[in-house]
Amino acid sequence: MKEFVYETMYILRPDMGEEDVDQNIRLYEEMLKEAGAEELEIQHRGKRRLAYMISKYREGIYIQMNYQAPGGAIATLERAMRLSEDVIRYLTVKQVVRAEEPEVAEAS
């Protein structure tokens, strides 16, 4: 099974406590690890103002995850986020990874 590099950004409700936020982060991290994700990097971006109201909220807590995983892991993750009342928005993007081109030695 081929693995790709993904970036998932999700927004949690702004009225959640820090402990609940950490619990959500651990939940999705474990879900990805169980699905075979590797090189998992999580960035807690903090509370920010939204560009427009989402589910009656003007702010949200942004979390960014970068990881390498098989495609099936994304469906499982996004289904859990869709069913969660804590996640008000999410987006997963497959990143383009370019292979490094070998350097060509110049002939003198």
C-alpha atoms as a PDB file:
ATOM      1  CA  MET A   1       0.000   0.000   0.000  1.00  0.00           C
ATOM      2  CA  LYS A   2       1.428   3.367  -1.009  1.00  0.00           C
ATOM      3  CA  GLU A   3       1.743   6.116   1.571  1.00  0.00           C
ATOM      4  CA  PHE A   4       1.361   9.827   0.934  1.00  0.00           C
ATOM      5  CA  VAL A   5       2.146  12.956   2.929  1.00  0.00           C
ATOM      6  CA  TYR A   6      -0.935  14.728   4.287  1.00  0.00           C
ATOM      7  CA  GLU A   7      -1.767  17.863   6.211  1.00  0.00           C
ATOM      8  CA  THR A   8      -4.958  17.979   8.259  1.00  0.00           C
ATOM      9  CA  MET A   9      -6.104  21.240   9.810  1.00  0.00           C
ATOM     10  CA  TYR A  10      -9.062  21.145  12.150  1.00  0.00           C
ATOM     11  CA  ILE A  11     -10.824  23.731  14.278  1.00  0.00           C
ATOM     12  CA  LEU A  12     -12.163  22.929  17.732  1.00  0.00           C
ATOM     13  CA  ARG A  13     -14.874  24.847  19.586  1.00  0.00           C
ATOM     14  CA  PRO A  14     -13.439  27.922  21.366  1.00  0.00           C
ATOM     15  CA  ASP A  15     -15.251  27.196  24.653  1.00  0.00           C
ATOM     16  CA  MET A  16     -13.284  24.000  25.323  1.00  0.00           C
ATOM     17  CA  GLY A  17     -10.856  23.797  28.240  1.00  0.00           C
ATOM     18  CA  GLU A  18      -7.163  23.066  27.675  1.00  0.00           C
ATOM     19  CA  GLU A  19      -7.580  19.533  29.028  1.00  0.00           C
ATOM     20  CA  ASP A  20     -10.398  18.804  26.553  1.00  0.00           C
ATOM     21  CA  VAL A  21      -8.311  20.212  23.692  1.00  0.00           C
ATOM     22  CA  ASP A  22      -5.371  17.975  24.652  1.00  0.00           C
ATOM     23  CA  GLN A  23      -7.712  14.992  24.880  1.00  0.00           C
ATOM     24  CA  ASN A  24      -8.996  15.654  21.339  1.00  0.00           C
ATOM     25  CA  ILE A  25      -5.452  16.020  20.012  1.00  0.00           C
ATOM     26  CA  ARG A  26      -4.437  12.691  21.606  1.00  0.00           C
ATOM     27  CA  LEU A  27      -7.571  10.999  20.239  1.00  0.00           C
ATOM     28  CA  TYR A  28      -6.840  11.928  16.629  1.00  0.00           C
ATOM     29  CA  GLU A  29      -3.110  11.272  17.052  1.00  0.00           C
ATOM     30  CA  GLU A  30      -3.798   7.725  18.311  1.00  0.00           C
ATOM     31  CA  MET A  31      -6.337   7.167  15.558  1.00  0.00           C
ATOM     32  CA  LEU A  32      -3.728   8.025  12.928  1.00  0.00           C
ATOM     33  CA  LYS A  33      -1.033   5.886  14.565  1.00  0.00           C
ATOM     34  CA  GLU A  34      -3.379   2.890  14.660  1.00  0.00           C
ATOM     35  CA  ALA A  35      -4.082   3.406  10.954  1.00  0.00           C
ATOM     36  CA  GLY A  36      -0.342   3.281  10.185  1.00  0.00           C
ATOM     37  CA  ALA A  37       0.620   6.964  10.137  1.00  0.00           C
ATOM     38  CA  GLU A  38       4.290   7.840  10.504  1.00  0.00           C
ATOM     39  CA  GLU A  39       6.308  11.018  11.020  1.00  0.00           C
ATOM     40  CA  LEU A  40       3.359  12.615  12.813  1.00  0.00           C
ATOM     41  CA  GLU A  41       3.915  16.283  13.624  1.00  0.00           C
ATOM     42  CA  ILE A  42       1.235  18.225  15.526  1.00  0.00           C
ATOM     43  CA  GLN A  43       1.106  22.002  15.921  1.00  0.00           C
ATOM     44  CA  HIS A  44      -1.327  23.639  18.337  1.00  0.00           C
ATOM     45  CA  ARG A  45      -1.977  26.990  16.643  1.00  0.00           C
ATOM     46  CA  GLY A  46      -4.141  28.366  19.451  1.00  0.00           C
ATOM     47  CA  LYS A  47      -7.396  30.313  19.471  1.00  0.00           C
ATOM     48  CA  ARG A  48      -7.968  32.554  16.471  1.00  0.00           C
ATOM     49  CA  ARG A  49     -10.791  34.592  15.023  1.00  0.00           C
ATOM     50  CA  LEU A  50     -12.668  32.876  12.193  1.00  0.00           C
ATOM     51  CA  ALA A  51     -13.189  34.611   8.843  1.00  0.00           C
ATOM     52  CA  TYR A  52     -16.930  33.968   9.199  1.00  0.00           C
ATOM     53  CA  MET A  53     -19.264  32.405  11.763  1.00  0.00           C
ATOM     54  CA  ILE A  54     -19.238  28.617  11.909  1.00  0.00           C
ATOM     55  CA  SER A  55     -21.875  26.881  14.041  1.00  0.00           C
ATOM     56  CA  LYS A  56     -22.522  30.133  15.982  1.00  0.00           C
ATOM     57  CA  TYR A  57     -18.811  30.568  16.817  1.00  0.00           C
ATOM     58  CA  ARG A  58     -16.665  33.582  15.925  1.00  0.00           C
ATOM     59  CA  GLU A  59     -13.410  31.975  17.158  1.00  0.00           C
ATOM     60  CA  GLY A  60     -11.895  28.525  17.045  1.00  0.00           C
ATOM     61  CA  ILE A  61      -8.895  26.558  18.305  1.00  0.00           C
ATOM     62  CA  TYR A  62      -6.705  25.592  15.347  1.00  0.00           C
ATOM     63  CA  ILE A  63      -4.757  22.312  15.275  1.00  0.00           C
ATOM     64  CA  GLN A  64      -2.493  21.285  12.379  1.00  0.00           C
ATOM     65  CA  MET A  65      -1.225  17.734  11.796  1.00  0.00           C
ATOM     66  CA  ASN A  66       1.358  16.740   9.185  1.00  0.00           C
ATOM     67  CA  TYR A  67       1.937  13.031   8.645  1.00  0.00           C
ATOM     68  CA  GLN A  68       2.674  10.220   6.236  1.00  0.00           C
ATOM     69  CA  ALA A  69      -0.085   7.611   6.025  1.00  0.00           C
ATOM     70  CA  PRO A  70      -1.970   5.228   3.742  1.00  0.00           C
ATOM     71  CA  GLY A  71      -5.058   6.752   2.102  1.00  0.00           C
ATOM     72  CA  GLY A  72      -7.485   4.682   4.169  1.00  0.00           C
ATOM     73  CA  ALA A  73      -6.371   6.456   7.334  1.00  0.00           C
ATOM     74  CA  ILE A  74      -7.874   9.718   6.085  1.00  0.00           C
ATOM     75  CA  ALA A  75     -11.384   8.327   5.691  1.00  0.00           C
ATOM     76  CA  THR A  76     -11.355   6.993   9.265  1.00  0.00           C
ATOM     77  CA  LEU A  77     -10.011  10.251  10.682  1.00  0.00           C
ATOM     78  CA  GLU A  78     -12.441  12.500   8.806  1.00  0.00           C
ATOM     79  CA  ARG A  79     -15.422  10.319   9.712  1.00  0.00           C
ATOM     80  CA  ALA A  80     -14.566  10.672  13.408  1.00  0.00           C
ATOM     81  CA  MET A  81     -14.175  14.448  13.005  1.00  0.00           C
ATOM     82  CA  ARG A  82     -17.475  14.737  11.134  1.00  0.00           C
ATOM     83  CA  LEU A  83     -19.288  12.928  13.973  1.00  0.00           C
ATOM     84  CA  SER A  84     -17.581  14.907  16.743  1.00  0.00           C
ATOM     85  CA  GLU A  85     -19.398  17.844  18.315  1.00  0.00           C
ATOM     86  CA  ASP A  86     -16.045  19.381  19.305  1.00  0.00           C
ATOM     87  CA  VAL A  87     -14.724  19.784  15.729  1.00  0.00           C
ATOM     88  CA  ILE A  88     -16.435  22.656  13.916  1.00  0.00           C
ATOM     89  CA  ARG A  89     -14.402  22.410  10.683  1.00  0.00           C
ATOM     90  CA  TYR A  90     -11.646  20.211   9.204  1.00  0.00           C
ATOM     91  CA  LEU A  91      -9.717  19.886   5.965  1.00  0.00           C
ATOM     92  CA  THR A  92      -7.157  17.325   4.781  1.00  0.00           C
ATOM     93  CA  VAL A  93      -4.808  18.087   1.904  1.00  0.00           C
ATOM     94  CA  LYS A  94      -2.457  15.652   0.179  1.00  0.00           C
ATOM     95  CA  GLN A  95       0.876  17.407  -0.157  1.00  0.00           C
ATOM     96  CA  VAL A  96       2.981  17.170  -3.266  1.00  0.00           C
ATOM     97  CA  VAL A  97       6.410  15.827  -2.420  1.00  0.00           C
ATOM     98  CA  ARG A  98       8.947  16.350  -5.146  1.00  0.00           C
ATOM     99  CA  ALA A  99      11.813  13.906  -5.444  1.00  0.00           C
ATOM    100  CA  GLU A 100      15.158  15.606  -5.219  1.00  0.00           C
ATOM    101  CA  GLU A 101      16.805  15.795  -8.597  1.00  0.00           C
ATOM    102  CA  PRO A 102      20.386  14.521  -8.738  1.00  0.00           C
ATOM    103  CA  GLU A 103      22.947  17.201  -9.391  1.00  0.00           C
ATOM    104  CA  VAL A 104      24.551  17.034 -12.804  1.00  0.00           C
ATOM    105  CA  ALA A 105      28.312  17.588 -12.819  1.00  0.00           C
ATOM    106  CA  GLU A 106      29.433  20.068 -15.420  1.00  0.00           C
ATOM    107  CA  ALA A 107      31.950  18.790 -17.969  1.00  0.00           C
ATOM    108  CA  SER A 108      34.978  21.093 -18.301  1.00  0.00           C
END
